[in-house]
């Protein structure tokens, strides 16, 4: 009888986990398919980037108590205000930084104590008529064939149940379609990854 109760409890936990994952996928698909975005507003891009850079870090710390990384920021004083949809750009930043946190956390668990110093950096630059946001981390990096697919819907490098594969796809659409910008990825497998957001000013 106790074995049956244990089995029911285990199965109900799995059902709950899969239900939550399905819910996240559906929410992501709805966001992905929406035609309309919020309104474009003059936005302090440095302040927005800094707020969501640290929000992602604290979110990861709340989920994984042993998570820690050096967070470095360098903001261009000449950035000024940029006309963007702030809730969309904040979503892109938090998603990319979340992925960076996950990458350095996974690498830190595999390295010997003291052998690896996790770092995540955010940097902004105003270059003529372009606003640039760079997010760099020294996690495990991506191979070229992964980079080619990484923004495809439902593609994820995370373990099963850890990611929906929609975050970067939605981020790519927000940058390239809504804001007519670019999202570039540089990486060396085993060394680092850098996401570069380019927004027209």
N, C-alpha and C. Protein backbone atom coordinates (compact mmCIF):
# COMPACT_ATOMS: atom_id res chain seq x y z
N UNK A 1 0.82 -1.21 0.00
CA UNK A 1 0.00 0.00 0.00
C UNK A 1 0.87 1.27 0.00
N UNK A 2 1.92 1.28 0.84
CA UNK A 2 2.82 2.44 0.91
C UNK A 2 3.55 2.66 -0.41
N UNK A 3 3.88 1.55 -1.09
CA UNK A 3 4.56 1.65 -2.38
C UNK A 3 3.67 2.34 -3.40
N UNK A 4 2.38 2.01 -3.37
CA UNK A 4 1.41 2.61 -4.30
C UNK A 4 1.29 4.11 -4.03
N UNK A 5 1.24 4.47 -2.72
CA UNK A 5 1.14 5.89 -2.34
C UNK A 5 2.38 6.65 -2.82
N UNK A 6 3.55 6.04 -2.62
CA UNK A 6 4.80 6.67 -3.07
C UNK A 6 4.80 6.88 -4.58
N UNK A 7 4.32 5.85 -5.30
CA UNK A 7 4.27 5.92 -6.76
C UNK A 7 3.33 7.03 -7.22
N UNK A 8 2.19 7.15 -6.56
CA UNK A 8 1.21 8.20 -6.89
C UNK A 8 1.82 9.58 -6.65
N UNK A 9 2.53 9.72 -5.52
CA UNK A 9 3.16 11.00 -5.21
C UNK A 9 4.23 11.38 -6.23
N UNK A 10 5.06 10.40 -6.62
CA UNK A 10 6.10 10.65 -7.61
C UNK A 10 5.49 11.06 -8.95
N UNK A 11 4.44 10.30 -9.35
CA UNK A 11 3.79 10.59 -10.64
C UNK A 11 3.08 11.94 -10.63
N UNK A 12 2.45 12.28 -9.51
CA UNK A 12 1.75 13.57 -9.44
C UNK A 12 2.76 14.73 -9.51
N UNK A 13 3.94 14.52 -8.92
CA UNK A 13 4.99 15.54 -9.01
C UNK A 13 5.44 15.72 -10.45
N UNK A 14 5.64 14.59 -11.16
CA UNK A 14 6.05 14.65 -12.57
C UNK A 14 4.98 15.33 -13.43
N UNK A 15 3.71 14.99 -13.16
CA UNK A 15 2.60 15.59 -13.91
C UNK A 15 2.60 17.11 -13.71
N UNK A 16 2.82 17.54 -12.47
CA UNK A 16 2.86 18.97 -12.15
C UNK A 16 4.00 19.67 -12.88
N UNK A 17 5.18 19.02 -12.88
CA UNK A 17 6.35 19.59 -13.56
C UNK A 17 6.10 19.73 -15.06
N UNK A 18 5.56 18.68 -15.68
CA UNK A 18 5.29 18.71 -17.12
C UNK A 18 4.18 19.72 -17.45
N UNK A 19 3.20 19.83 -16.55
CA UNK A 19 2.13 20.80 -16.74
C UNK A 19 2.66 22.22 -16.73
N UNK A 20 3.56 22.51 -15.77
CA UNK A 20 4.16 23.84 -15.69
C UNK A 20 5.00 24.13 -16.92
N UNK A 21 5.73 23.12 -17.38
CA UNK A 21 6.56 23.30 -18.59
C UNK A 21 5.68 23.57 -19.80
N UNK A 22 4.58 22.82 -19.94
CA UNK A 22 3.65 23.03 -21.05
C UNK A 22 3.07 24.45 -21.00
N UNK A 23 2.75 24.89 -19.77
CA UNK A 23 2.21 26.24 -19.58
C UNK A 23 3.21 27.30 -20.05
N UNK A 24 4.50 27.11 -19.70
CA UNK A 24 5.53 28.06 -20.11
C UNK A 24 5.69 28.08 -21.63
N UNK A 25 5.61 26.90 -22.24
CA UNK A 25 5.74 26.81 -23.70
C UNK A 25 4.59 27.54 -24.38
N UNK A 26 3.37 27.33 -23.89
CA UNK A 26 2.20 27.99 -24.47
C UNK A 26 2.31 29.51 -24.32
N UNK A 27 2.72 29.96 -23.12
CA UNK A 27 2.89 31.41 -22.90
C UNK A 27 3.93 31.96 -23.88
N UNK A 28 5.01 31.22 -24.04
CA UNK A 28 6.06 31.65 -24.96
C UNK A 28 5.57 31.71 -26.40
N UNK A 29 4.78 30.71 -26.79
CA UNK A 29 4.24 30.69 -28.15
C UNK A 29 3.30 31.86 -28.39
N UNK A 30 2.50 32.18 -27.39
CA UNK A 30 1.58 33.31 -27.52
C UNK A 30 2.37 34.61 -27.67
N UNK A 31 3.44 34.75 -26.90
CA UNK A 31 4.28 35.94 -27.00
C UNK A 31 4.96 35.99 -28.37
N UNK A 32 5.36 34.83 -28.83
CA UNK A 32 6.08 34.73 -30.10
C UNK A 32 5.19 35.10 -31.27
N UNK A 33 3.91 34.74 -31.16
CA UNK A 33 3.00 34.94 -32.29
C UNK A 33 2.29 36.27 -32.26
N UNK A 34 2.43 37.02 -31.17
CA UNK A 34 1.70 38.29 -31.07
C UNK A 34 2.20 39.24 -32.14
N UNK A 35 1.29 39.96 -32.75
CA UNK A 35 1.68 40.90 -33.80
C UNK A 35 2.09 42.23 -33.21
N UNK A 36 1.43 42.63 -32.16
CA UNK A 36 1.62 43.96 -31.62
C UNK A 36 2.60 43.98 -30.47
N UNK A 37 3.30 45.07 -30.36
CA UNK A 37 4.21 45.26 -29.25
C UNK A 37 3.73 46.49 -28.48
N UNK A 38 4.47 46.88 -27.45
CA UNK A 38 4.11 48.09 -26.72
C UNK A 38 4.50 49.32 -27.53
N UNK A 39 4.41 50.46 -26.90
CA UNK A 39 4.72 51.72 -27.58
C UNK A 39 6.21 52.04 -27.48
N UNK A 40 6.73 52.62 -28.53
CA UNK A 40 8.10 53.11 -28.51
C UNK A 40 8.16 54.36 -27.63
N UNK A 41 9.17 54.39 -26.76
CA UNK A 41 9.33 55.52 -25.85
C UNK A 41 10.80 55.90 -25.77
N UNK A 42 11.06 57.20 -25.55
CA UNK A 42 12.44 57.63 -25.28
C UNK A 42 12.87 56.99 -23.96
N UNK A 43 13.92 56.18 -24.00
CA UNK A 43 14.30 55.35 -22.86
C UNK A 43 15.77 55.54 -22.52
N UNK A 44 16.04 55.66 -21.22
CA UNK A 44 17.42 55.68 -20.73
C UNK A 44 17.95 54.24 -20.80
N UNK A 45 18.64 53.94 -21.89
CA UNK A 45 19.05 52.57 -22.17
C UNK A 45 20.04 52.04 -21.14
N UNK A 46 20.93 52.90 -20.66
CA UNK A 46 21.89 52.47 -19.64
C UNK A 46 21.18 52.04 -18.36
N UNK A 47 20.22 52.84 -17.93
CA UNK A 47 19.48 52.53 -16.70
C UNK A 47 18.67 51.24 -16.85
N UNK A 48 18.03 51.10 -18.02
CA UNK A 48 17.24 49.89 -18.28
C UNK A 48 18.13 48.66 -18.27
N UNK A 49 19.27 48.74 -18.96
CA UNK A 49 20.20 47.60 -19.03
C UNK A 49 20.70 47.23 -17.64
N UNK A 50 21.06 48.23 -16.85
CA UNK A 50 21.59 47.96 -15.51
C UNK A 50 20.55 47.31 -14.60
N UNK A 51 19.32 47.81 -14.68
CA UNK A 51 18.25 47.27 -13.82
C UNK A 51 18.02 45.79 -14.10
N UNK A 52 17.90 45.43 -15.38
CA UNK A 52 17.57 44.04 -15.71
C UNK A 52 18.79 43.12 -15.68
N UNK A 53 19.97 43.70 -15.82
CA UNK A 53 21.22 42.94 -15.64
C UNK A 53 21.28 42.39 -14.21
N UNK A 54 21.00 43.25 -13.24
CA UNK A 54 21.06 42.82 -11.83
C UNK A 54 19.82 42.02 -11.43
N UNK A 55 18.69 42.30 -12.05
CA UNK A 55 17.48 41.53 -11.74
C UNK A 55 17.66 40.06 -12.11
N UNK A 56 18.28 39.81 -13.26
CA UNK A 56 18.53 38.43 -13.69
C UNK A 56 19.45 37.72 -12.70
N UNK A 57 20.48 38.42 -12.23
CA UNK A 57 21.41 37.85 -11.27
C UNK A 57 20.68 37.45 -9.98
N UNK A 58 19.86 38.36 -9.44
CA UNK A 58 19.16 38.08 -8.18
C UNK A 58 18.11 36.98 -8.36
N UNK A 59 17.53 36.90 -9.55
CA UNK A 59 16.59 35.81 -9.84
C UNK A 59 17.28 34.46 -9.81
N UNK A 60 18.49 34.40 -10.37
CA UNK A 60 19.26 33.16 -10.37
C UNK A 60 19.69 32.79 -8.95
N UNK A 61 20.06 33.81 -8.16
CA UNK A 61 20.47 33.58 -6.77
C UNK A 61 19.30 33.05 -5.93
N UNK A 62 18.11 33.54 -6.23
CA UNK A 62 16.93 33.09 -5.50
C UNK A 62 16.63 31.63 -5.80
N UNK A 63 16.92 31.20 -7.04
CA UNK A 63 16.64 29.81 -7.44
C UNK A 63 17.76 28.86 -7.01
N UNK A 64 19.00 29.34 -7.07
CA UNK A 64 20.16 28.51 -6.73
C UNK A 64 21.01 29.25 -5.70
N UNK A 65 20.89 28.87 -4.46
CA UNK A 65 21.55 29.57 -3.35
C UNK A 65 23.08 29.55 -3.48
N UNK A 66 23.62 28.54 -4.15
CA UNK A 66 25.08 28.44 -4.27
C UNK A 66 25.62 29.16 -5.50
N UNK A 67 24.73 29.81 -6.26
CA UNK A 67 25.17 30.52 -7.47
C UNK A 67 25.86 31.82 -7.10
N UNK A 68 26.99 32.08 -7.75
CA UNK A 68 27.65 33.36 -7.60
C UNK A 68 28.52 33.62 -8.83
N UNK A 69 28.65 34.87 -9.20
CA UNK A 69 29.48 35.25 -10.33
C UNK A 69 29.84 36.72 -10.19
N UNK A 70 30.95 37.10 -10.78
CA UNK A 70 31.31 38.52 -10.81
C UNK A 70 30.48 39.20 -11.89
N UNK A 71 29.80 40.27 -11.54
CA UNK A 71 28.96 41.03 -12.48
C UNK A 71 29.66 42.35 -12.77
N UNK A 72 30.03 42.57 -14.01
CA UNK A 72 30.77 43.78 -14.41
C UNK A 72 29.94 44.60 -15.39
N UNK A 73 29.91 45.90 -15.21
CA UNK A 73 29.12 46.78 -16.07
C UNK A 73 29.94 47.97 -16.54
N UNK A 74 29.75 48.33 -17.79
CA UNK A 74 30.45 49.49 -18.37
C UNK A 74 29.48 50.19 -19.31
N UNK A 75 29.01 51.37 -18.89
CA UNK A 75 27.97 52.07 -19.65
C UNK A 75 28.52 53.34 -20.30
N UNK A 76 28.15 53.53 -21.55
CA UNK A 76 28.59 54.69 -22.32
C UNK A 76 27.86 55.94 -21.83
N UNK A 77 28.62 56.92 -21.34
CA UNK A 77 28.02 58.15 -20.83
C UNK A 77 27.30 58.93 -21.92
N UNK A 78 27.67 58.68 -23.17
CA UNK A 78 27.06 59.40 -24.29
C UNK A 78 25.86 58.67 -24.89
N UNK A 79 25.40 57.61 -24.21
CA UNK A 79 24.29 56.84 -24.77
C UNK A 79 23.03 57.69 -24.90
N UNK A 80 22.68 58.41 -23.83
CA UNK A 80 21.47 59.24 -23.88
C UNK A 80 20.21 58.39 -23.97
N UNK A 81 19.14 59.02 -24.44
CA UNK A 81 17.86 58.33 -24.56
C UNK A 81 17.71 57.75 -25.97
N UNK A 82 17.13 56.55 -26.02
CA UNK A 82 16.93 55.86 -27.29
C UNK A 82 15.45 55.47 -27.37
N UNK A 83 14.84 55.63 -28.54
CA UNK A 83 13.43 55.31 -28.70
C UNK A 83 13.27 53.80 -28.93
N UNK A 84 12.79 53.10 -27.91
CA UNK A 84 12.57 51.65 -27.98
C UNK A 84 11.26 51.32 -27.26
N UNK A 85 10.87 50.05 -27.35
CA UNK A 85 9.76 49.54 -26.53
C UNK A 85 10.41 48.99 -25.26
N UNK A 86 10.35 49.74 -24.14
CA UNK A 86 11.15 49.36 -22.97
C UNK A 86 10.86 47.97 -22.42
N UNK A 87 9.58 47.56 -22.38
CA UNK A 87 9.27 46.23 -21.84
C UNK A 87 9.83 45.12 -22.73
N UNK A 88 9.92 45.39 -24.04
CA UNK A 88 10.49 44.39 -24.95
C UNK A 88 12.01 44.28 -24.78
N UNK A 89 12.69 45.43 -24.72
CA UNK A 89 14.15 45.41 -24.58
C UNK A 89 14.54 44.85 -23.22
N UNK A 90 13.76 45.16 -22.18
CA UNK A 90 14.05 44.60 -20.86
C UNK A 90 13.91 43.09 -20.88
N UNK A 91 12.94 42.60 -21.63
CA UNK A 91 12.75 41.14 -21.75
C UNK A 91 13.95 40.49 -22.45
N UNK A 92 14.46 41.14 -23.48
CA UNK A 92 15.63 40.62 -24.20
C UNK A 92 16.84 40.57 -23.27
N UNK A 93 17.08 41.66 -22.54
CA UNK A 93 18.25 41.72 -21.65
C UNK A 93 18.16 40.66 -20.56
N UNK A 94 16.99 40.56 -19.93
CA UNK A 94 16.87 39.59 -18.83
C UNK A 94 17.00 38.16 -19.34
N UNK A 95 16.52 37.91 -20.55
CA UNK A 95 16.63 36.56 -21.11
C UNK A 95 18.09 36.21 -21.42
N UNK A 96 18.81 37.14 -22.05
CA UNK A 96 20.21 36.88 -22.39
C UNK A 96 21.07 36.75 -21.14
N UNK A 97 20.82 37.61 -20.14
CA UNK A 97 21.60 37.52 -18.90
C UNK A 97 21.23 36.27 -18.10
N UNK A 98 19.95 35.87 -18.13
CA UNK A 98 19.56 34.60 -17.51
C UNK A 98 20.35 33.44 -18.11
N UNK A 99 20.44 33.42 -19.44
CA UNK A 99 21.20 32.37 -20.12
C UNK A 99 22.68 32.42 -19.73
N UNK A 100 23.21 33.65 -19.58
CA UNK A 100 24.61 33.81 -19.17
C UNK A 100 24.82 33.27 -17.76
N UNK A 101 23.88 33.58 -16.87
CA UNK A 101 23.96 33.07 -15.49
C UNK A 101 23.95 31.54 -15.49
N UNK A 102 23.06 30.96 -16.28
CA UNK A 102 22.96 29.50 -16.36
C UNK A 102 24.26 28.90 -16.89
N UNK A 103 24.84 29.57 -17.91
CA UNK A 103 26.07 29.05 -18.54
C UNK A 103 27.24 29.02 -17.55
N UNK A 104 27.43 30.13 -16.82
CA UNK A 104 28.57 30.15 -15.88
C UNK A 104 28.31 29.25 -14.67
N UNK A 105 27.05 29.11 -14.29
CA UNK A 105 26.70 28.23 -13.17
C UNK A 105 26.98 26.77 -13.52
N UNK A 106 26.58 26.36 -14.72
CA UNK A 106 26.84 24.98 -15.16
C UNK A 106 28.34 24.69 -15.24
N UNK A 107 29.10 25.68 -15.75
CA UNK A 107 30.55 25.48 -15.87
C UNK A 107 31.20 25.41 -14.48
N UNK A 108 30.73 26.24 -13.55
CA UNK A 108 31.32 26.28 -12.21
C UNK A 108 31.12 24.96 -11.46
N UNK A 109 30.02 24.26 -11.77
CA UNK A 109 29.75 22.98 -11.09
C UNK A 109 30.69 21.88 -11.56
N UNK A 110 31.27 22.06 -12.77
CA UNK A 110 32.12 21.01 -13.34
C UNK A 110 33.61 21.26 -13.10
N UNK A 111 33.95 22.50 -12.76
CA UNK A 111 35.37 22.85 -12.57
C UNK A 111 35.81 22.56 -11.14
N UNK A 112 37.10 22.23 -10.92
CA UNK A 112 37.60 22.03 -9.55
C UNK A 112 37.50 23.34 -8.76
N UNK A 113 37.32 23.27 -7.45
CA UNK A 113 37.22 24.48 -6.62
C UNK A 113 38.41 25.42 -6.82
N UNK A 114 38.12 26.68 -7.09
CA UNK A 114 39.17 27.68 -7.26
C UNK A 114 39.78 27.75 -8.64
N UNK A 115 39.41 26.81 -9.53
CA UNK A 115 40.02 26.77 -10.86
C UNK A 115 39.32 27.70 -11.86
N UNK A 116 38.13 28.13 -11.52
CA UNK A 116 37.33 28.91 -12.47
C UNK A 116 36.68 30.10 -11.77
N UNK A 117 36.78 31.28 -12.41
CA UNK A 117 36.19 32.50 -11.87
C UNK A 117 35.08 32.96 -12.82
N UNK A 118 33.81 32.64 -12.50
CA UNK A 118 32.72 33.04 -13.40
C UNK A 118 32.56 34.55 -13.49
N UNK A 119 32.34 35.03 -14.71
CA UNK A 119 32.16 36.46 -14.95
C UNK A 119 31.07 36.69 -15.98
N UNK A 120 30.28 37.72 -15.75
CA UNK A 120 29.31 38.19 -16.74
C UNK A 120 29.50 39.69 -16.86
N UNK A 121 29.60 40.19 -18.10
CA UNK A 121 29.81 41.61 -18.32
C UNK A 121 28.72 42.17 -19.23
N UNK A 122 28.29 43.38 -18.91
CA UNK A 122 27.39 44.10 -19.80
C UNK A 122 28.04 45.43 -20.15
N UNK A 123 27.88 45.84 -21.40
CA UNK A 123 28.53 47.06 -21.87
C UNK A 123 27.60 47.74 -22.88
N UNK A 124 27.51 49.06 -22.84
CA UNK A 124 26.75 49.78 -23.85
C UNK A 124 27.69 50.72 -24.60
N UNK A 125 27.36 50.96 -25.88
CA UNK A 125 28.13 51.88 -26.70
C UNK A 125 27.17 52.63 -27.64
N UNK A 126 27.39 53.93 -27.78
CA UNK A 126 26.67 54.72 -28.78
C UNK A 126 27.64 54.97 -29.93
N UNK A 127 27.35 54.38 -31.08
CA UNK A 127 28.24 54.52 -32.23
C UNK A 127 27.43 55.15 -33.37
N UNK A 128 27.63 56.44 -33.57
CA UNK A 128 26.89 57.21 -34.59
C UNK A 128 25.38 57.04 -34.39
N UNK A 129 24.73 56.42 -35.36
CA UNK A 129 23.27 56.26 -35.28
C UNK A 129 22.86 54.88 -34.77
N UNK A 130 23.74 54.26 -34.00
CA UNK A 130 23.44 52.92 -33.46
C UNK A 130 23.68 52.88 -31.95
N UNK A 131 22.80 52.18 -31.25
CA UNK A 131 22.97 51.91 -29.82
C UNK A 131 23.31 50.43 -29.68
N UNK A 132 24.41 50.13 -29.01
CA UNK A 132 24.89 48.76 -28.88
C UNK A 132 24.82 48.31 -27.43
N UNK A 133 24.38 47.08 -27.22
CA UNK A 133 24.41 46.45 -25.89
C UNK A 133 25.14 45.12 -26.05
N UNK A 134 26.20 44.92 -25.25
CA UNK A 134 26.99 43.69 -25.30
C UNK A 134 26.80 42.94 -23.99
N UNK A 135 26.54 41.64 -24.09
CA UNK A 135 26.49 40.78 -22.89
C UNK A 135 27.48 39.64 -23.12
N UNK A 136 28.49 39.57 -22.26
CA UNK A 136 29.58 38.59 -22.39
C UNK A 136 29.63 37.72 -21.14
N UNK A 137 29.92 36.43 -21.33
CA UNK A 137 30.12 35.53 -20.18
C UNK A 137 31.19 34.50 -20.53
N UNK A 138 31.87 34.00 -19.50
CA UNK A 138 32.96 33.04 -19.73
C UNK A 138 32.51 31.62 -19.36
N UNK A 139 31.34 31.25 -19.88
CA UNK A 139 30.84 29.89 -19.68
C UNK A 139 31.46 28.93 -20.69
N UNK A 140 30.70 27.93 -21.09
CA UNK A 140 31.24 26.90 -21.98
C UNK A 140 31.22 27.26 -23.46
N UNK A 141 30.57 28.37 -23.81
CA UNK A 141 30.56 28.79 -25.21
C UNK A 141 29.73 27.88 -26.09
N UNK A 142 29.68 28.24 -27.37
CA UNK A 142 28.91 27.47 -28.35
C UNK A 142 29.77 27.16 -29.57
N UNK A 143 29.52 26.02 -30.18
CA UNK A 143 30.16 25.70 -31.45
C UNK A 143 29.43 26.44 -32.57
N UNK A 144 30.03 26.51 -33.75
CA UNK A 144 29.43 27.24 -34.88
C UNK A 144 28.08 26.67 -35.28
N UNK A 145 27.94 25.35 -35.27
CA UNK A 145 26.66 24.77 -35.68
C UNK A 145 25.55 25.06 -34.67
N UNK A 146 25.91 25.24 -33.40
CA UNK A 146 24.92 25.63 -32.38
C UNK A 146 24.50 27.08 -32.60
N UNK A 147 25.48 27.97 -32.87
CA UNK A 147 25.18 29.39 -33.10
C UNK A 147 24.20 29.55 -34.25
N UNK A 148 24.34 28.74 -35.30
CA UNK A 148 23.44 28.82 -36.46
C UNK A 148 21.99 28.52 -36.10
N UNK A 149 21.79 27.68 -35.08
CA UNK A 149 20.43 27.24 -34.73
C UNK A 149 19.87 27.88 -33.47
N UNK A 150 20.71 28.62 -32.73
CA UNK A 150 20.36 28.99 -31.37
C UNK A 150 19.13 29.90 -31.25
N UNK A 151 18.83 30.65 -32.30
CA UNK A 151 17.65 31.54 -32.26
C UNK A 151 16.42 30.91 -32.91
N UNK A 152 16.52 29.63 -33.26
CA UNK A 152 15.36 28.93 -33.84
C UNK A 152 14.36 28.58 -32.74
N UNK A 153 13.05 28.69 -33.03
CA UNK A 153 12.05 28.33 -32.02
C UNK A 153 12.22 26.90 -31.53
N UNK A 154 12.14 26.70 -30.22
CA UNK A 154 12.19 25.41 -29.53
C UNK A 154 13.59 24.78 -29.48
N UNK A 155 14.60 25.47 -30.02
CA UNK A 155 15.96 24.94 -29.90
C UNK A 155 16.55 25.40 -28.58
N UNK A 156 17.08 24.48 -27.80
CA UNK A 156 17.71 24.83 -26.53
C UNK A 156 18.92 23.95 -26.27
N UNK A 157 19.91 24.51 -25.60
CA UNK A 157 21.08 23.73 -25.21
C UNK A 157 20.97 23.30 -23.75
N UNK A 158 19.89 23.73 -23.09
CA UNK A 158 19.70 23.39 -21.68
C UNK A 158 19.15 21.98 -21.53
N UNK A 159 19.35 21.36 -20.36
CA UNK A 159 18.80 20.03 -20.13
C UNK A 159 17.28 20.04 -20.20
N UNK A 160 16.68 18.87 -20.45
CA UNK A 160 15.23 18.75 -20.53
C UNK A 160 14.57 19.32 -19.28
N UNK A 161 13.57 20.16 -19.50
CA UNK A 161 12.84 20.76 -18.39
C UNK A 161 13.41 22.07 -17.90
N UNK A 162 14.60 22.45 -18.40
CA UNK A 162 15.24 23.68 -17.93
C UNK A 162 14.98 24.88 -18.84
N UNK A 163 14.59 24.60 -20.08
CA UNK A 163 14.35 25.71 -21.01
C UNK A 163 13.32 25.32 -22.05
N UNK A 164 12.58 26.33 -22.54
CA UNK A 164 11.54 26.05 -23.55
C UNK A 164 12.07 26.17 -24.97
N UNK A 165 13.23 26.81 -25.13
CA UNK A 165 13.76 27.02 -26.48
C UNK A 165 13.08 28.19 -27.19
N UNK A 166 12.40 29.04 -26.44
CA UNK A 166 11.70 30.18 -27.05
C UNK A 166 12.33 31.53 -26.70
N UNK A 167 13.12 31.57 -25.63
CA UNK A 167 13.66 32.84 -25.15
C UNK A 167 14.45 33.60 -26.19
N UNK A 168 15.44 32.95 -26.80
CA UNK A 168 16.28 33.64 -27.79
C UNK A 168 15.55 33.86 -29.10
N UNK A 169 14.62 32.97 -29.42
CA UNK A 169 13.81 33.15 -30.63
C UNK A 169 12.96 34.41 -30.52
N UNK A 170 12.31 34.59 -29.37
CA UNK A 170 11.50 35.78 -29.13
C UNK A 170 12.40 37.02 -29.08
N UNK A 171 13.54 36.91 -28.40
CA UNK A 171 14.49 38.03 -28.31
C UNK A 171 14.94 38.46 -29.70
N UNK A 172 15.25 37.49 -30.55
CA UNK A 172 15.69 37.77 -31.92
C UNK A 172 14.60 38.52 -32.68
N UNK A 173 13.34 38.09 -32.54
CA UNK A 173 12.24 38.75 -33.23
C UNK A 173 12.03 40.18 -32.72
N UNK A 174 12.16 40.36 -31.40
CA UNK A 174 11.99 41.70 -30.81
C UNK A 174 13.04 42.65 -31.39
N UNK A 175 14.29 42.19 -31.48
CA UNK A 175 15.38 43.05 -31.96
C UNK A 175 15.28 43.28 -33.47
N UNK A 176 15.09 42.21 -34.23
CA UNK A 176 15.17 42.33 -35.70
C UNK A 176 13.87 42.80 -36.34
N UNK A 177 12.74 42.36 -35.82
CA UNK A 177 11.46 42.70 -36.45
C UNK A 177 10.84 43.96 -35.85
N UNK A 178 10.67 43.97 -34.52
CA UNK A 178 10.04 45.13 -33.88
C UNK A 178 10.93 46.37 -33.95
N UNK A 179 12.25 46.18 -33.69
CA UNK A 179 13.16 47.34 -33.59
C UNK A 179 14.06 47.51 -34.82
N UNK A 180 13.94 46.64 -35.81
CA UNK A 180 14.72 46.73 -37.05
C UNK A 180 16.23 46.79 -36.77
N UNK A 181 16.66 46.02 -35.75
CA UNK A 181 18.06 45.98 -35.38
C UNK A 181 18.70 44.64 -35.72
N UNK A 182 19.77 44.31 -34.99
CA UNK A 182 20.50 43.06 -35.23
C UNK A 182 20.84 42.41 -33.91
N UNK A 183 20.88 41.08 -33.90
CA UNK A 183 21.35 40.32 -32.75
C UNK A 183 22.44 39.38 -33.23
N UNK A 184 23.68 39.68 -32.85
CA UNK A 184 24.83 38.88 -33.28
C UNK A 184 25.37 38.08 -32.09
N UNK A 185 25.98 36.94 -32.41
CA UNK A 185 26.54 36.08 -31.36
C UNK A 185 27.97 35.72 -31.73
N UNK A 186 28.88 35.97 -30.78
CA UNK A 186 30.27 35.55 -30.93
C UNK A 186 30.56 34.54 -29.82
N UNK A 187 31.31 33.50 -30.15
CA UNK A 187 31.60 32.49 -29.13
C UNK A 187 32.81 31.65 -29.51
N UNK A 188 33.54 31.22 -28.49
CA UNK A 188 34.56 30.20 -28.64
C UNK A 188 34.16 29.04 -27.74
N UNK A 189 33.99 27.87 -28.31
CA UNK A 189 33.55 26.72 -27.54
C UNK A 189 34.52 26.45 -26.39
N UNK A 190 33.95 26.36 -25.18
CA UNK A 190 34.74 26.10 -23.99
C UNK A 190 35.30 27.35 -23.33
N UNK A 191 35.11 28.52 -23.96
CA UNK A 191 35.74 29.74 -23.45
C UNK A 191 34.76 30.86 -23.09
N UNK A 192 33.97 31.32 -24.04
CA UNK A 192 33.10 32.47 -23.79
C UNK A 192 31.98 32.54 -24.82
N UNK A 193 30.99 33.39 -24.52
CA UNK A 193 29.95 33.76 -25.47
C UNK A 193 29.66 35.24 -25.29
N UNK A 194 29.34 35.91 -26.39
CA UNK A 194 28.97 37.32 -26.34
C UNK A 194 27.79 37.57 -27.27
N UNK A 195 26.74 38.16 -26.72
CA UNK A 195 25.57 38.56 -27.50
C UNK A 195 25.64 40.06 -27.72
N UNK A 196 25.49 40.48 -28.97
CA UNK A 196 25.62 41.90 -29.32
C UNK A 196 24.30 42.37 -29.93
N UNK A 197 23.66 43.29 -29.22
CA UNK A 197 22.40 43.86 -29.69
C UNK A 197 22.70 45.20 -30.34
N UNK A 198 22.24 45.38 -31.57
CA UNK A 198 22.40 46.65 -32.27
C UNK A 198 21.02 47.23 -32.56
N UNK A 199 20.79 48.45 -32.06
CA UNK A 199 19.50 49.13 -32.24
C UNK A 199 19.71 50.42 -33.01
N UNK A 200 18.88 50.67 -34.03
CA UNK A 200 19.00 51.95 -34.73
C UNK A 200 18.50 53.08 -33.84
N UNK A 201 19.18 54.22 -33.88
CA UNK A 201 18.78 55.38 -33.08
C UNK A 201 18.04 56.35 -33.97
